[in-house]
Amino acid sequence: MAVSPLVWIITCLVILGLFVFDFFAHVRTPHAPTFRESAFWSAVYIILAIAFGIFVMAVWGTTFGGEYFAGYVTEKALSVDNLFVFVIIMSTFAVPREYQQKVLLIGIVMALVMRGAFIAVGAAAINAYSWVFYLFGVFLIYTAAMLIKDAGHSPEAEQERENKIVRLVKRFLPTSEEYDGDKLITKVDGKRMVTPLLLALVVIGFTDVLFALDSIPAIYGLTQEPYLVFTANAFALMGLRQLFFLIGGLLERLVYLSYGLSIILAFIGVKLVLHALHENTLPFINDGQHVVVPEISTALSLTVIIGVLVVTAVASLIKTRNGTAGPDGSDLEAQKDVQPQK
């Protein structure tokens, strides 16, 4: 896939322009977005992502177009899972709803910058050492196992991690206890101090790094083209702010999402290991020769990813149709009926 520097520059400028537009059109003036506003702009960014995929197909062919769509769907699903953590962060810091947009947008831009760095490092590593696919594959399989073990995000565990980050930040930066509008830095008794809004942003920044550790190896399992990896991540992150407000209440009902994502990550991990075997150069595996193994096609990958997400979503909604399921799929109403032993 030949992508000229000019195409890279134009793509980055367009993506930057979309974020700038998002800031001045929706975030600059603090307000709590309505459901209609969130739904409209979520749809706009999804349509833009689909249009870009069609553009990729038209210019570089259906194979690369399929890789882009597989990567986009996977990254979008992982982003939705990340929203669980964002909800906990917003709740922990009691961020007023009208200021949450600013925190989310800046956090998303930070995430894209950090993922861009990970993408560059990953591309360089893959070009230099084919055995990196083994590492990516094993890491994704391990991550999938951890997701199943955790069975979703534990609010207590997330809050404990956030508290550690906050304590570290407060050791070096004076922090105010009160919000000052949507300011990140304020003055208290003539002294400059960071606000709780900036603390929330710092925590989101740290969690973005952890998210990238999962998402970048996952998408490299679907395409080895850095341009597709970057654009799929960018379009998946765009619209995430609107999605946060659109499906905030629905998140509690997606009780099986972690299980679905664990299946997808394990599937991509196996795909990476098979690809690594096919391109093997390690001397202690088959004497450094390529291993004849079946490779998973992009079409099959896309089918499995979409199929797992659909089944996961439907199963979650059926399980929680009466609004009685907890984050691990357990029945909260049944739990309420169980009285502790004295």
Protein backbone atom coordinates (compact mmCIF):
# COMPACT_ATOMS: atom_id res chain seq x y z
CA MET A 1 0.00 0.00 0.00
CA ALA A 2 1.73 3.15 -1.24
CA VAL A 3 0.86 6.24 0.80
CA SER A 4 2.75 9.40 -0.14
CA PRO A 5 3.89 11.96 2.45
CA LEU A 6 1.40 14.40 0.92
CA VAL A 7 -1.50 12.03 1.64
CA TRP A 8 -0.25 11.63 5.22
CA ILE A 9 -0.08 15.40 5.67
CA ILE A 10 -3.54 15.99 4.20
CA THR A 11 -5.03 13.21 6.34
CA CYS A 12 -3.49 14.60 9.54
CA LEU A 13 -4.66 18.12 8.70
CA VAL A 14 -8.22 16.92 8.03
CA ILE A 15 -8.32 14.99 11.32
CA LEU A 16 -6.87 17.98 13.18
CA GLY A 17 -9.44 20.21 11.51
CA LEU A 18 -12.29 17.95 12.67
CA PHE A 19 -11.06 18.15 16.26
CA VAL A 20 -10.70 21.94 16.05
CA PHE A 21 -14.21 22.17 14.63
CA ASP A 22 -15.50 19.93 17.42
CA PHE A 23 -13.93 22.19 20.02
CA PHE A 24 -15.24 25.50 18.69
CA ALA A 25 -18.67 24.14 17.71
CA HIS A 26 -19.48 22.15 20.86
CA VAL A 27 -16.87 22.33 23.62
CA ARG A 28 -15.72 25.95 23.79
CA THR A 29 -19.01 27.03 25.38
CA PRO A 30 -19.62 24.69 28.35
CA HIS A 31 -22.98 22.93 28.18
CA ALA A 32 -24.53 19.55 28.82
CA PRO A 33 -25.24 18.04 25.37
CA THR A 34 -28.76 16.86 24.66
CA PHE A 35 -29.56 13.35 23.49
CA ARG A 36 -30.48 14.72 20.05
CA GLU A 37 -27.18 16.58 19.70
CA SER A 38 -25.15 13.54 20.78
CA ALA A 39 -27.07 11.19 18.47
CA PHE A 40 -26.71 13.50 15.45
CA TRP A 41 -22.98 14.04 15.77
CA SER A 42 -22.31 10.38 16.64
CA ALA A 43 -24.03 9.48 13.37
CA VAL A 44 -22.03 12.14 11.49
CA TYR A 45 -18.68 10.74 12.64
CA ILE A 46 -19.72 7.15 11.88
CA ILE A 47 -20.78 8.23 8.37
CA LEU A 48 -17.41 9.99 7.92
CA ALA A 49 -15.60 6.80 9.00
CA ILE A 50 -17.61 4.71 6.53
CA ALA A 51 -17.03 7.25 3.76
CA PHE A 52 -13.28 7.12 4.40
CA GLY A 53 -13.40 3.31 4.20
CA ILE A 54 -15.11 3.54 0.82
CA PHE A 55 -12.40 6.02 -0.25
CA VAL A 56 -9.72 3.50 0.79
CA MET A 57 -11.46 0.80 -1.26
CA ALA A 58 -11.68 3.06 -4.30
CA VAL A 59 -8.03 4.14 -4.17
CA TRP A 60 -6.17 1.11 -2.79
CA GLY A 61 -8.57 -1.79 -3.35
CA THR A 62 -11.07 -3.89 -1.41
CA THR A 63 -8.38 -5.81 0.50
CA PHE A 64 -7.07 -2.70 2.22
CA GLY A 65 -10.61 -1.36 2.56
CA GLY A 66 -11.61 -4.55 4.38
CA GLU A 67 -8.58 -4.24 6.67
CA TYR A 68 -9.55 -0.66 7.52
CA PHE A 69 -13.15 -1.61 8.36
CA ALA A 70 -12.01 -4.57 10.48
CA GLY A 71 -9.63 -2.28 12.36
CA TYR A 72 -12.21 0.46 12.75
CA VAL A 73 -14.89 -1.86 14.15
CA THR A 74 -12.41 -3.41 16.59
CA GLU A 75 -11.10 -0.05 17.78
CA LYS A 76 -14.63 1.31 18.12
CA ALA A 77 -15.62 -1.67 20.27
CA LEU A 78 -12.56 -1.23 22.47
CA SER A 79 -13.36 2.49 22.76
CA VAL A 80 -16.89 1.71 23.97
CA ASP A 81 -15.38 -0.55 26.63
CA ASN A 82 -13.11 2.33 27.65
CA LEU A 83 -16.18 4.49 28.27
CA PHE A 84 -16.85 2.41 31.41
CA VAL A 85 -13.63 3.78 32.87
CA PHE A 86 -14.45 7.33 31.77
CA VAL A 87 -17.78 7.09 33.59
CA ILE A 88 -15.97 6.05 36.77
CA ILE A 89 -13.43 8.88 36.41
CA MET A 90 -16.14 11.50 35.91
CA SER A 91 -18.02 10.16 38.92
CA THR A 92 -14.94 9.98 41.13
CA PHE A 93 -14.02 13.62 40.48
CA ALA A 94 -17.67 14.75 40.42
CA VAL A 95 -17.00 16.58 37.14
CA PRO A 96 -20.03 18.77 36.35
CA ARG A 97 -21.82 17.49 33.25
CA GLU A 98 -21.33 20.76 31.34
CA TYR A 99 -17.54 20.49 31.75
CA GLN A 100 -17.22 16.81 30.88
CA GLN A 101 -17.07 17.56 27.16
CA LYS A 102 -13.84 19.52 27.55
CA VAL A 103 -12.17 16.79 29.58
CA LEU A 104 -13.23 14.13 27.09
CA LEU A 105 -12.14 16.04 23.99
CA ILE A 106 -8.70 16.90 25.38
CA GLY A 107 -8.35 13.32 26.64
CA ILE A 108 -9.24 11.94 23.19
CA VAL A 109 -6.68 14.20 21.49
CA MET A 110 -4.08 13.02 24.01
CA ALA A 111 -5.05 9.42 23.27
CA LEU A 112 -4.63 9.92 19.52
CA VAL A 113 -1.19 11.53 19.97
CA MET A 114 -0.01 8.70 22.22
CA ARG A 115 -1.44 6.06 19.90
CA GLY A 116 0.35 7.75 17.02
CA ALA A 117 3.63 7.24 18.89
CA PHE A 118 2.76 3.59 19.61
CA ILE A 119 1.82 3.07 15.95
CA ALA A 120 5.18 4.47 14.78
CA VAL A 121 7.10 2.28 17.22
CA GLY A 122 5.02 -0.77 16.29
CA ALA A 123 5.56 -0.21 12.56
CA ALA A 124 9.32 0.16 13.04
CA ALA A 125 9.47 -2.98 15.18
CA ILE A 126 7.44 -5.03 12.70
CA ASN A 127 9.59 -3.90 9.75
CA ALA A 128 12.78 -4.76 11.61
CA TYR A 129 11.74 -7.97 13.41
CA SER A 130 9.00 -10.29 12.16
CA TRP A 131 9.04 -12.16 15.49
CA VAL A 132 7.32 -9.12 17.07
CA PHE A 133 4.07 -10.71 15.86
CA TYR A 134 4.67 -13.51 18.39
CA LEU A 135 4.86 -10.95 21.19
CA PHE A 136 1.74 -9.12 20.03
CA GLY A 137 -0.18 -12.37 19.69
CA VAL A 138 0.77 -13.73 23.11
CA PHE A 139 0.08 -10.35 24.73
CA LEU A 140 -3.43 -10.20 23.23
CA ILE A 141 -4.21 -13.75 24.34
CA TYR A 142 -3.00 -12.85 27.85
CA THR A 143 -5.12 -9.67 27.80
CA ALA A 144 -8.15 -11.70 26.72
CA ALA A 145 -7.62 -14.06 29.66
CA MET A 146 -7.38 -11.12 32.07
CA LEU A 147 -10.63 -9.64 30.71
CA ILE A 148 -12.44 -12.90 31.35
CA LYS A 149 -10.91 -13.14 34.82
CA ASP A 150 -12.00 -9.61 35.71
CA ALA A 151 -15.42 -10.08 34.05
CA GLY A 152 -15.69 -6.38 33.36
CA HIS A 153 -14.28 -3.35 35.13
CA SER A 154 -14.36 -3.28 38.89
CA PRO A 155 -15.23 0.26 40.01
CA GLU A 156 -13.30 -0.24 43.24
CA ALA A 157 -10.14 -1.33 41.39
CA GLU A 158 -10.39 1.56 38.93
CA GLN A 159 -10.90 4.09 41.72
CA GLU A 160 -7.93 2.72 43.65
CA ARG A 161 -5.72 3.14 40.59
CA GLU A 162 -7.02 6.67 40.10
CA ASN A 163 -6.34 7.51 43.74
CA LYS A 164 -2.71 6.42 43.34
CA ILE A 165 -2.29 8.67 40.29
CA VAL A 166 -3.95 11.60 42.07
CA ARG A 167 -1.74 11.18 45.15
CA LEU A 168 1.33 11.17 42.90
CA VAL A 169 0.22 14.33 41.08
CA LYS A 170 -0.61 16.13 44.34
CA ARG A 171 2.91 15.47 45.61
CA PHE A 172 4.29 17.75 42.89
CA LEU A 173 1.43 20.13 42.09
CA PRO A 174 -0.64 22.24 44.51
CA THR A 175 -4.29 21.33 43.98
CA SER A 176 -7.48 23.20 44.75
CA GLU A 177 -10.50 21.43 46.18
CA GLU A 178 -13.09 23.38 44.19
CA TYR A 179 -13.82 23.75 40.48
CA ASP A 180 -13.33 27.15 38.87
CA GLY A 181 -15.63 26.87 35.86
CA ASP A 182 -13.89 24.88 33.15
CA LYS A 183 -10.44 26.20 34.04
CA LEU A 184 -7.58 23.75 34.42
CA ILE A 185 -5.49 26.15 36.54
CA THR A 186 -6.84 28.66 39.02
CA LYS A 187 -5.61 31.06 41.70
CA VAL A 188 -6.33 30.57 45.40
CA ASP A 189 -5.11 33.35 47.71
CA GLY A 190 -2.84 34.58 44.91
CA LYS A 191 -1.26 31.16 44.44
CA ARG A 192 -1.60 29.17 41.21
CA MET A 193 -3.16 25.75 41.72
CA VAL A 194 -4.45 22.97 39.45
CA THR A 195 -8.18 22.28 39.58
CA PRO A 196 -9.93 18.92 39.98
CA LEU A 197 -10.73 19.21 36.25
CA LEU A 198 -7.03 18.98 35.42
CA LEU A 199 -6.65 16.03 37.81
CA ALA A 200 -9.43 14.20 35.96
CA LEU A 201 -7.64 14.95 32.69
CA VAL A 202 -4.35 13.58 34.05
CA VAL A 203 -6.05 10.34 35.11
CA ILE A 204 -7.66 9.99 31.68
CA GLY A 205 -4.23 10.56 30.11
CA PHE A 206 -2.69 7.75 32.15
CA THR A 207 -5.54 5.38 31.30
CA ASP A 208 -5.16 6.29 27.61
CA VAL A 209 -1.66 4.83 27.73
CA LEU A 210 -3.03 1.57 29.13
CA PHE A 211 -5.77 1.48 26.49
CA ALA A 212 -3.20 1.89 23.72
CA LEU A 213 -1.31 -1.17 24.96
CA ASP A 214 -4.34 -3.28 24.03
CA SER A 215 -5.64 -1.50 20.95
CA ILE A 216 -2.44 -1.08 18.91
CA PRO A 217 -1.38 -4.77 18.95
CA ALA A 218 -5.01 -5.70 18.22
CA ILE A 219 -5.26 -3.61 15.06
CA TYR A 220 -1.79 -4.68 13.88
CA GLY A 221 -3.27 -8.16 13.91
CA LEU A 222 -5.75 -7.01 11.26
CA THR A 223 -3.53 -4.81 9.09
CA GLN A 224 0.19 -4.09 8.95
CA GLU A 225 -0.33 -0.78 7.15
CA PRO A 226 0.53 2.13 9.52
CA TYR A 227 -1.75 4.47 7.54
CA LEU A 228 -4.77 2.21 8.08
CA VAL A 229 -3.82 1.64 11.73
CA PHE A 230 -3.66 5.38 12.35
CA THR A 231 -6.83 6.35 10.46
CA ALA A 232 -8.87 3.51 11.98
CA ASN A 233 -7.80 4.69 15.44
CA ALA A 234 -8.50 8.33 14.60
CA PHE A 235 -12.01 7.69 13.28
CA ALA A 236 -12.78 5.35 16.17
CA LEU A 237 -11.79 8.05 18.67
CA MET A 238 -13.66 10.80 16.83
CA GLY A 239 -17.22 10.83 18.02
CA LEU A 240 -16.27 9.05 21.25
CA ARG A 241 -17.17 12.19 23.21
CA GLN A 242 -20.67 12.24 21.73
CA LEU A 243 -20.98 8.50 22.25
CA PHE A 244 -20.17 8.97 25.94
CA PHE A 245 -23.29 11.11 26.41
CA LEU A 246 -25.39 9.08 23.99
CA ILE A 247 -25.02 5.64 25.55
CA GLY A 248 -23.99 6.59 29.09
CA GLY A 249 -27.05 4.86 30.54
CA LEU A 250 -26.79 1.94 28.13
CA LEU A 251 -23.26 1.09 29.27
CA GLU A 252 -24.59 -0.49 32.44
CA ARG A 253 -26.61 -2.89 30.32
CA LEU A 254 -23.67 -4.13 28.21
CA VAL A 255 -22.77 -6.65 30.88
CA TYR A 256 -21.18 -9.14 28.47
CA LEU A 257 -19.08 -6.63 26.51
CA SER A 258 -15.86 -7.65 28.26
CA TYR A 259 -16.50 -11.29 27.38
CA GLY A 260 -17.09 -10.37 23.74
CA LEU A 261 -13.93 -8.25 23.61
CA SER A 262 -11.93 -11.04 25.22
CA ILE A 263 -13.05 -13.40 22.42
CA ILE A 264 -12.11 -10.84 19.77
CA LEU A 265 -8.69 -10.15 21.32
CA ALA A 266 -7.98 -13.87 21.68
CA PHE A 267 -9.03 -14.44 18.06
CA ILE A 268 -6.74 -11.66 16.83
CA GLY A 269 -3.96 -13.02 19.08
CA VAL A 270 -4.24 -16.43 17.45
CA LYS A 271 -4.28 -14.75 14.03
CA LEU A 272 -1.05 -12.94 14.90
CA VAL A 273 0.66 -16.11 16.12
CA LEU A 274 -0.35 -17.95 12.91
CA HIS A 275 1.00 -15.05 10.85
CA ALA A 276 4.23 -15.08 12.88
CA LEU A 277 4.62 -18.82 12.21
CA HIS A 278 4.01 -18.24 8.52
CA GLU A 279 6.74 -15.55 8.47
CA ASN A 280 8.93 -17.32 11.04
CA THR A 281 12.65 -16.53 11.17
CA LEU A 282 13.40 -17.67 14.73
CA PRO A 283 16.08 -20.40 14.59
CA PHE A 284 14.59 -22.49 17.41
CA ILE A 285 11.23 -22.83 15.60
CA ASN A 286 11.32 -25.13 12.57
CA ASP A 287 15.04 -24.37 12.14
CA GLY A 288 14.25 -20.79 11.23
CA GLN A 289 12.07 -21.79 8.29
CA HIS A 290 8.54 -20.66 7.59
CA VAL A 291 5.89 -22.92 9.12
CA VAL A 292 3.04 -24.00 6.87
CA VAL A 293 -0.08 -22.96 8.79
CA PRO A 294 -3.47 -21.63 7.68
CA GLU A 295 -3.80 -17.84 7.75
CA ILE A 296 -7.01 -16.08 8.70
CA SER A 297 -8.37 -13.81 5.98
CA THR A 298 -9.54 -10.25 6.52
CA ALA A 299 -13.08 -11.22 5.46
CA LEU A 300 -13.21 -13.94 8.12
CA SER A 301 -11.76 -11.58 10.72
CA LEU A 302 -14.39 -8.93 9.98
CA THR A 303 -17.18 -11.54 10.09
CA VAL A 304 -16.01 -12.91 13.45
CA ILE A 305 -15.57 -9.44 15.00
CA ILE A 306 -19.00 -8.17 13.92
CA GLY A 307 -20.67 -11.49 14.79
CA VAL A 308 -19.21 -11.55 18.31
CA LEU A 309 -20.20 -7.93 18.95
CA VAL A 310 -23.77 -8.50 17.75
CA VAL A 311 -24.19 -11.64 19.87
CA THR A 312 -22.63 -9.88 22.89
CA ALA A 313 -24.89 -6.84 22.57
CA VAL A 314 -28.07 -8.90 22.08
CA ALA A 315 -27.23 -11.25 24.96
CA SER A 316 -26.48 -8.27 27.24
CA LEU A 317 -29.74 -6.50 26.40
CA ILE A 318 -31.74 -9.70 26.91
CA LYS A 319 -30.03 -10.30 30.26
CA THR A 320 -30.75 -6.73 31.41
CA ARG A 321 -34.14 -6.22 29.78
CA ASN A 322 -35.63 -5.56 33.24
CA GLY A 323 -32.66 -3.47 34.34
CA THR A 324 -31.67 -5.97 37.02
CA ALA A 325 -28.18 -7.04 35.99
CA GLY A 326 -24.94 -5.93 37.59
CA PRO A 327 -21.67 -5.26 35.75
CA ASP A 328 -20.75 -8.94 35.92
CA GLY A 329 -24.13 -10.11 34.61
CA SER A 330 -25.40 -11.10 38.04
CA ASP A 331 -28.98 -10.42 39.11
CA LEU A 332 -29.02 -7.39 41.39
CA GLU A 333 -32.63 -7.96 42.44
CA ALA A 334 -31.75 -11.44 43.62
CA GLN A 335 -28.79 -10.02 45.52
CA LYS A 336 -31.06 -7.54 47.28
CA ASP A 337 -33.20 -10.38 48.60
CA VAL A 338 -30.22 -12.05 50.25
CA GLN A 339 -29.78 -10.65 53.75
CA PRO A 340 -26.32 -10.76 55.36
CA GLN A 341 -25.88 -13.25 58.16
CA LYS A 342 -25.51 -11.78 61.59
